[in-house]
PDB file of N, CA and C in Angstrom:
ATOM      1  N   MET A   1     104.618 143.576-134.283  1.00  0.00           N
ATOM      2  CA  MET A   1     104.037 143.747-135.735  1.00  0.00           C
ATOM      3  C   MET A   1     104.806 144.809-136.231  1.00  0.00           C
ATOM      4  N   GLU A   2     105.010 144.769-137.378  1.00  0.00           N
ATOM      5  CA  GLU A   2     105.946 145.708-138.216  1.00  0.00           C
ATOM      6  C   GLU A   2     105.279 146.312-139.531  1.00  0.00           C
ATOM      7  N   THR A   3     105.980 147.567-140.040  1.00  0.00           N
ATOM      8  CA  THR A   3     105.386 148.027-141.093  1.00  0.00           C
ATOM      9  C   THR A   3     105.536 147.372-142.362  1.00  0.00           C
ATOM     10  N   HIS A   4     104.512 147.562-143.275  1.00  0.00           N
ATOM     11  CA  HIS A   4     104.806 146.891-144.557  1.00  0.00           C
ATOM     12  C   HIS A   4     106.111 147.305-145.246  1.00  0.00           C
ATOM     13  N   TRP A   5     106.579 148.610-145.098  1.00  0.00           N
ATOM     14  CA  TRP A   5     107.699 148.912-145.805  1.00  0.00           C
ATOM     15  C   TRP A   5     108.851 148.226-145.023  1.00  0.00           C
ATOM     16  N   ARG A   6     108.951 147.984-143.743  1.00  0.00           N
ATOM     17  CA  ARG A   6     110.033 147.299-143.130  1.00  0.00           C
ATOM     18  C   ARG A   6     109.891 145.842-143.677  1.00  0.00           C
ATOM     19  N   SER A   7     109.027 145.332-143.745  1.00  0.00           N
ATOM     20  CA  SER A   7     108.930 143.783-144.351  1.00  0.00           C
ATOM     21  C   SER A   7     109.327 143.901-145.707  1.00  0.00           C
ATOM     22  N   VAL A   8     109.167 144.889-146.540  1.00  0.00           N
ATOM     23  CA  VAL A   8     109.501 144.825-148.071  1.00  0.00           C
ATOM     24  C   VAL A   8     110.959 145.085-148.252  1.00  0.00           C
ATOM     25  N   VAL A   9     111.774 145.809-147.277  1.00  0.00           N
ATOM     26  CA  VAL A   9     113.045 146.053-146.972  1.00  0.00           C
ATOM     27  C   VAL A   9     113.620 144.945-146.561  1.00  0.00           C
ATOM     28  N   LYS A  10     113.159 144.277-145.694  1.00  0.00           N
ATOM     29  CA  LYS A  10     113.758 142.944-145.093  1.00  0.00           C
ATOM     30  C   LYS A  10     113.900 141.934-146.426  1.00  0.00           C
ATOM     31  N   GLY A  11     112.783 141.893-147.046  1.00  0.00           N
ATOM     32  CA  GLY A  11     112.678 141.009-148.121  1.00  0.00           C
ATOM     33  C   GLY A  11     113.626 141.177-149.144  1.00  0.00           C
ATOM     34  N   ILE A  12     113.883 142.611-149.419  1.00  0.00           N
ATOM     35  CA  ILE A  12     114.893 142.820-150.509  1.00  0.00           C
ATOM     36  C   ILE A  12     116.369 142.528-149.977  1.00  0.00           C
ATOM     37  N   SER A  13     116.515 143.041-148.721  1.00  0.00           N
ATOM     38  CA  SER A  13     117.931 142.605-148.151  1.00  0.00           C
ATOM     39  C   SER A  13     118.207 141.040-148.013  1.00  0.00           C
ATOM     40  N   TRP A  14     117.037 140.205-147.684  1.00  0.00           N
ATOM     41  CA  TRP A  14     117.481 138.894-147.655  1.00  0.00           C
ATOM     42  C   TRP A  14     117.629 138.249-149.058  1.00  0.00           C
ATOM     43  N   ARG A  15     116.983 138.881-149.948  1.00  0.00           N
ATOM     44  CA  ARG A  15     117.285 138.180-151.428  1.00  0.00           C
ATOM     45  C   ARG A  15     118.784 138.576-151.795  1.00  0.00           C
ATOM     46  N   ALA A  16     118.943 139.980-151.527  1.00  0.00           N
ATOM     47  CA  ALA A  16     120.451 140.342-151.926  1.00  0.00           C
ATOM     48  C   ALA A  16     121.394 139.324-151.181  1.00  0.00           C
ATOM     49  N   VAL A  17     121.328 139.062-150.141  1.00  0.00           N
ATOM     50  CA  VAL A  17     122.207 138.063-149.201  1.00  0.00           C
ATOM     51  C   VAL A  17     122.243 136.738-149.946  1.00  0.00           C
ATOM     52  N   GLY A  18     121.140 136.284-150.383  1.00  0.00           N
ATOM     53  CA  GLY A  18     121.004 134.816-151.242  1.00  0.00           C
ATOM     54  C   GLY A  18     121.498 134.959-152.467  1.00  0.00           C
ATOM     55  N   THR A  19     121.462 135.912-153.193  1.00  0.00           N
ATOM     56  CA  THR A  19     121.888 136.190-154.515  1.00  0.00           C
ATOM     57  C   THR A  19     123.544 136.363-154.504  1.00  0.00           C
ATOM     58  N   LEU A  20     123.981 136.979-153.418  1.00  0.00           N
ATOM     59  CA  LEU A  20     125.553 137.516-153.285  1.00  0.00           C
ATOM     60  C   LEU A  20     126.027 135.930-152.878  1.00  0.00           C
ATOM     61  N   ASP A  21     125.214 135.128-151.965  1.00  0.00           N
ATOM     62  CA  ASP A  21     125.837 133.631-151.643  1.00  0.00           C
ATOM     63  C   ASP A  21     126.031 132.891-152.907  1.00  0.00           C
ATOM     64  N   THR A  22     124.908 132.887-153.728  1.00  0.00           N
ATOM     65  CA  THR A  22     124.786 132.026-154.931  1.00  0.00           C
ATOM     66  C   THR A  22     126.055 132.409-155.891  1.00  0.00           C
ATOM     67  N   THR A  23     126.227 133.756-156.048  1.00  0.00           N
ATOM     68  CA  THR A  23     127.139 134.311-156.825  1.00  0.00           C
ATOM     69  C   THR A  23     128.433 133.842-156.563  1.00  0.00           C
ATOM     70  N   LEU A  24     128.856 133.967-155.238  1.00  0.00           N
ATOM     71  CA  LEU A  24     130.060 133.812-154.478  1.00  0.00           C
ATOM     72  C   LEU A  24     130.463 132.250-154.679  1.00  0.00           C
ATOM     73  N   LEU A  25     129.369 131.320-154.509  1.00  0.00           N
ATOM     74  CA  LEU A  25     129.694 129.841-154.509  1.00  0.00           C
ATOM     75  C   LEU A  25     129.959 129.548-155.840  1.00  0.00           C
ATOM     76  N   VAL A  26     129.005 130.083-156.889  1.00  0.00           N
ATOM     77  CA  VAL A  26     129.633 129.822-158.430  1.00  0.00           C
ATOM     78  C   VAL A  26     130.978 130.210-158.776  1.00  0.00           C
ATOM     79  N   PHE A  27     131.238 131.343-158.355  1.00  0.00           N
ATOM     80  CA  PHE A  27     132.731 132.006-158.694  1.00  0.00           C
ATOM     81  C   PHE A  27     133.845 130.994-157.964  1.00  0.00           C
ATOM     82  N   ILE A  28     133.443 130.638-156.558  1.00  0.00           N
ATOM     83  CA  ILE A  28     134.622 129.745-155.998  1.00  0.00           C
ATOM     84  C   ILE A  28     134.650 128.354-156.641  1.00  0.00           C
ATOM     85  N   PHE A  29     133.652 127.945-157.063  1.00  0.00           N
ATOM     86  CA  PHE A  29     133.601 126.505-157.836  1.00  0.00           C
ATOM     87  C   PHE A  29     134.110 126.576-159.294  1.00  0.00           C
ATOM     88  N   SER A  30     133.781 127.889-160.091  1.00  0.00           N
ATOM     89  CA  SER A  30     134.016 127.734-161.290  1.00  0.00           C
ATOM     90  C   SER A  30     135.336 128.500-161.840  1.00  0.00           C
ATOM     91  N   GLY A  31     135.601 129.700-160.782  1.00  0.00           N
ATOM     92  CA  GLY A  31     136.683 130.622-161.131  1.00  0.00           C
ATOM     93  C   GLY A  31     136.155 131.559-162.199  1.00  0.00           C
ATOM     94  N   GLU A  32     135.012 131.505-162.802  1.00  0.00           N
ATOM     95  CA  GLU A  32     134.539 132.486-163.795  1.00  0.00           C
ATOM     96  C   GLU A  32     133.639 133.586-163.443  1.00  0.00           C
ATOM     97  N   LEU A  33     133.970 134.835-163.242  1.00  0.00           N
ATOM     98  CA  LEU A  33     133.125 135.882-162.728  1.00  0.00           C
ATOM     99  C   LEU A  33     131.929 136.136-163.695  1.00  0.00           C
ATOM    100  N   LEU A  34     132.240 136.071-164.808  1.00  0.00           N
ATOM    101  CA  LEU A  34     130.903 136.279-165.726  1.00  0.00           C
ATOM    102  C   LEU A  34     129.808 135.149-165.438  1.00  0.00           C
ATOM    103  N   LEU A  35     130.337 133.907-165.519  1.00  0.00           N
ATOM    104  CA  LEU A  35     129.445 132.998-165.095  1.00  0.00           C
ATOM    105  C   LEU A  35     128.703 133.286-163.706  1.00  0.00           C
ATOM    106  N   ALA A  36     129.387 133.481-162.907  1.00  0.00           N
ATOM    107  CA  ALA A  36     128.870 133.688-161.499  1.00  0.00           C
ATOM    108  C   ALA A  36     127.774 134.818-161.436  1.00  0.00           C
ATOM    109  N   ALA A  37     128.169 135.839-162.079  1.00  0.00           N
ATOM    110  CA  ALA A  37     127.230 136.944-162.165  1.00  0.00           C
ATOM    111  C   ALA A  37     126.056 136.695-163.054  1.00  0.00           C
ATOM    112  N   SER A  38     126.136 135.720-164.015  1.00  0.00           N
ATOM    113  CA  SER A  38     125.188 135.534-164.762  1.00  0.00           C
ATOM    114  C   SER A  38     124.129 134.560-164.118  1.00  0.00           C
ATOM    115  N   VAL A  39     124.629 133.447-163.327  1.00  0.00           N
ATOM    116  CA  VAL A  39     124.012 132.521-162.546  1.00  0.00           C
ATOM    117  C   VAL A  39     123.350 133.428-161.432  1.00  0.00           C
ATOM    118  N   GLY A  40     123.921 134.309-160.728  1.00  0.00           N
ATOM    119  CA  GLY A  40     123.353 135.177-159.509  1.00  0.00           C
ATOM    120  C   GLY A  40     122.246 135.963-160.278  1.00  0.00           C
ATOM    121  N   LEU A  41     122.454 136.735-161.295  1.00  0.00           N
ATOM    122  CA  LEU A  41     121.362 137.468-161.893  1.00  0.00           C
ATOM    123  C   LEU A  41     119.877 136.608-162.230  1.00  0.00           C
ATOM    124  N   THR A  42     120.241 135.403-162.855  1.00  0.00           N
ATOM    125  CA  THR A  42     119.113 134.568-163.196  1.00  0.00           C
ATOM    126  C   THR A  42     118.553 133.974-161.926  1.00  0.00           C
ATOM    127  N   GLU A  43     119.246 133.654-160.831  1.00  0.00           N
ATOM    128  CA  GLU A  43     118.651 133.157-159.498  1.00  0.00           C
ATOM    129  C   GLU A  43     117.853 134.373-158.997  1.00  0.00           C
ATOM    130  N   LEU A  44     118.266 135.548-158.951  1.00  0.00           N
ATOM    131  CA  LEU A  44     117.530 136.605-158.632  1.00  0.00           C
ATOM    132  C   LEU A  44     116.177 136.716-159.093  1.00  0.00           C
ATOM    133  N   VAL A  45     116.160 136.760-160.320  1.00  0.00           N
ATOM    134  CA  VAL A  45     114.914 136.872-161.119  1.00  0.00           C
ATOM    135  C   VAL A  45     113.997 135.677-161.060  1.00  0.00           C
ATOM    136  N   THR A  46     114.495 134.641-161.253  1.00  0.00           N
ATOM    137  CA  THR A  46     113.565 133.340-160.955  1.00  0.00           C
ATOM    138  C   THR A  46     113.003 133.052-159.558  1.00  0.00           C
ATOM    139  N   LYS A  47     113.944 133.359-158.657  1.00  0.00           N
ATOM    140  CA  LYS A  47     113.498 133.078-157.170  1.00  0.00           C
ATOM    141  C   LYS A  47     112.404 134.192-156.790  1.00  0.00           C
ATOM    142  N   ILE A  48     112.426 135.394-157.241  1.00  0.00           N
ATOM    143  CA  ILE A  48     111.529 136.229-157.033  1.00  0.00           C
ATOM    144  C   ILE A  48     110.027 135.681-157.649  1.00  0.00           C
ATOM    145  N   PHE A  49     110.144 135.434-158.784  1.00  0.00           N
ATOM    146  CA  PHE A  49     108.948 134.767-159.519  1.00  0.00           C
ATOM    147  C   PHE A  49     108.514 133.679-158.824  1.00  0.00           C
ATOM    148  N   LEU A  50     109.342 132.505-158.235  1.00  0.00           N
ATOM    149  CA  LEU A  50     108.992 131.378-157.539  1.00  0.00           C
ATOM    150  C   LEU A  50     108.361 131.609-156.329  1.00  0.00           C
ATOM    151  N   TYR A  51     108.839 132.652-155.664  1.00  0.00           N
ATOM    152  CA  TYR A  51     108.181 133.071-154.252  1.00  0.00           C
ATOM    153  C   TYR A  51     106.844 133.516-154.503  1.00  0.00           C
ATOM    154  N   TRP A  52     106.731 134.486-155.520  1.00  0.00           N
ATOM    155  CA  TRP A  52     105.337 134.942-155.784  1.00  0.00           C
ATOM    156  C   TRP A  52     104.315 133.840-155.917  1.00  0.00           C
ATOM    157  N   ALA A  53     104.909 132.904-156.773  1.00  0.00           N
ATOM    158  CA  ALA A  53     103.888 131.724-157.313  1.00  0.00           C
ATOM    159  C   ALA A  53     103.798 130.852-155.901  1.00  0.00           C
ATOM    160  N   HIS A  54     104.581 130.688-155.151  1.00  0.00           N
ATOM    161  CA  HIS A  54     104.573 129.942-153.914  1.00  0.00           C
ATOM    162  C   HIS A  54     103.294 130.444-153.018  1.00  0.00           C
ATOM    163  N   GLU A  55     103.627 131.818-152.995  1.00  0.00           N
ATOM    164  CA  GLU A  55     102.651 132.664-151.880  1.00  0.00           C
ATOM    165  C   GLU A  55     101.350 132.465-152.556  1.00  0.00           C
ATOM    166  N   ARG A  56     101.039 132.691-153.887  1.00  0.00           N
ATOM    167  CA  ARG A  56      99.747 132.546-154.540  1.00  0.00           C
ATOM    168  C   ARG A  56      99.106 131.177-154.270  1.00  0.00           C
ATOM    169  N   VAL A  57      99.795 130.185-154.461  1.00  0.00           N
ATOM    170  CA  VAL A  57      99.217 128.888-154.115  1.00  0.00           C
ATOM    171  C   VAL A  57      99.118 128.559-152.716  1.00  0.00           C
ATOM    172  N   TRP A  58      99.723 129.119-151.680  1.00  0.00           N
ATOM    173  CA  TRP A  58      99.499 129.056-150.132  1.00  0.00           C
ATOM    174  C   TRP A  58      98.283 129.975-149.817  1.00  0.00           C
ATOM    175  N   GLN A  59      98.155 130.767-150.718  1.00  0.00           N
ATOM    176  CA  GLN A  59      96.759 131.732-150.473  1.00  0.00           C
ATOM    177  C   GLN A  59      95.601 130.753-150.407  1.00  0.00           C
ATOM    178  N   LYS A  60      95.558 129.874-151.535  1.00  0.00           N
ATOM    179  CA  LYS A  60      94.454 128.928-151.746  1.00  0.00           C
ATOM    180  C   LYS A  60      94.313 127.918-150.837  1.00  0.00           C
ATOM    181  N   ILE A  61      95.179 127.513-149.973  1.00  0.00           N
ATOM    182  CA  ILE A  61      95.242 126.421-148.952  1.00  0.00           C
ATOM    183  C   ILE A  61      94.539 126.809-147.737  1.00  0.00           C
ATOM    184  N   ARG A  62      93.395 126.230-147.148  1.00  0.00           N
ATOM    185  CA  ARG A  62      92.787 126.680-146.182  1.00  0.00           C
ATOM    186  C   ARG A  62      93.537 126.066-144.784  1.00  0.00           C
ATOM    187  N   TRP A  63      94.412 124.860-144.840  1.00  0.00           N
ATOM    188  CA  TRP A  63      94.969 124.488-143.888  1.00  0.00           C
ATOM    189  C   TRP A  63      95.644 125.475-142.857  1.00  0.00           C
ATOM    190  N   GLY A  64      95.509 125.392-141.711  1.00  0.00           N
ATOM    191  CA  GLY A  64      96.257 126.237-140.734  1.00  0.00           C
ATOM    192  C   GLY A  64      95.794 127.615-140.717  1.00  0.00           C
ATOM    193  N   ARG A  65      94.877 127.902-141.365  1.00  0.00           N
ATOM    194  CA  ARG A  65      94.385 129.548-141.283  1.00  0.00           C
ATOM    195  C   ARG A  65      93.224 129.641-140.207  1.00  0.00           C
ATOM    196  N   ILE A  66      93.101 130.796-139.693  1.00  0.00           N
ATOM    197  CA  ILE A  66      92.083 131.169-138.715  1.00  0.00           C
ATOM    198  C   ILE A  66      91.241 132.235-139.388  1.00  0.00           C
ATOM    199  N   PHE A  67      89.969 131.940-139.703  1.00  0.00           N
ATOM    200  CA  PHE A  67      89.125 133.025-140.139  1.00  0.00           C
ATOM    201  C   PHE A  67      88.167 133.670-139.177  1.00  0.00           C
ATOM    202  N   PRO A  68      88.214 134.907-139.288  1.00  0.00           N
ATOM    203  CA  PRO A  68      87.314 135.594-138.199  1.00  0.00           C
ATOM    204  C   PRO A  68      85.925 135.168-138.161  1.00  0.00           C
ATOM    205  N   SER A  69      84.987 135.169-137.217  1.00  0.00           N
ATOM    206  CA  SER A  69      83.885 134.704-137.081  1.00  0.00           C
ATOM    207  C   SER A  69      82.941 135.749-137.697  1.00  0.00           C
ATOM    208  N   THR A  70      81.974 135.324-138.506  1.00  0.00           N
ATOM    209  CA  THR A  70      80.928 136.239-139.093  1.00  0.00           C
ATOM    210  C   THR A  70      79.762 136.476-138.314  1.00  0.00           C
ATOM    211  N   SER A  71      79.688 135.979-137.242  1.00  0.00           N
ATOM    212  CA  SER A  71      78.414 136.180-136.155  1.00  0.00           C
ATOM    213  C   SER A  71      78.675 137.550-135.472  1.00  0.00           C
ATOM    214  N   SER A  72      77.724 138.231-135.359  1.00  0.00           N
ATOM    215  CA  SER A  72      77.585 139.534-134.290  1.00  0.00           C
ATOM    216  C   SER A  72      77.081 138.903-132.933  1.00  0.00           C
ATOM    217  N   PRO A  73      77.798 139.749-132.058  1.00  0.00           N
ATOM    218  CA  PRO A  73      77.315 139.326-130.757  1.00  0.00           C
ATOM    219  C   PRO A  73      75.884 140.108-130.327  1.00  0.00           C
TER     220      PRO A  73
END
């Protein structure tokens, strides 16, 4: 088990790695730094939103979840 803040920092650092990767790949393929930065920034914002939406949808899916028993001993 880890703390909430550790999970947040891990999520932010992973997103930073992903954005850097995208930016670097766009720069390698296009040779244009402004384009690479623009794509990287756009990707950062859109993927944060898409992750949030993905999590909200999965919160509604009951498959694979274990719910605590409501009965008392």
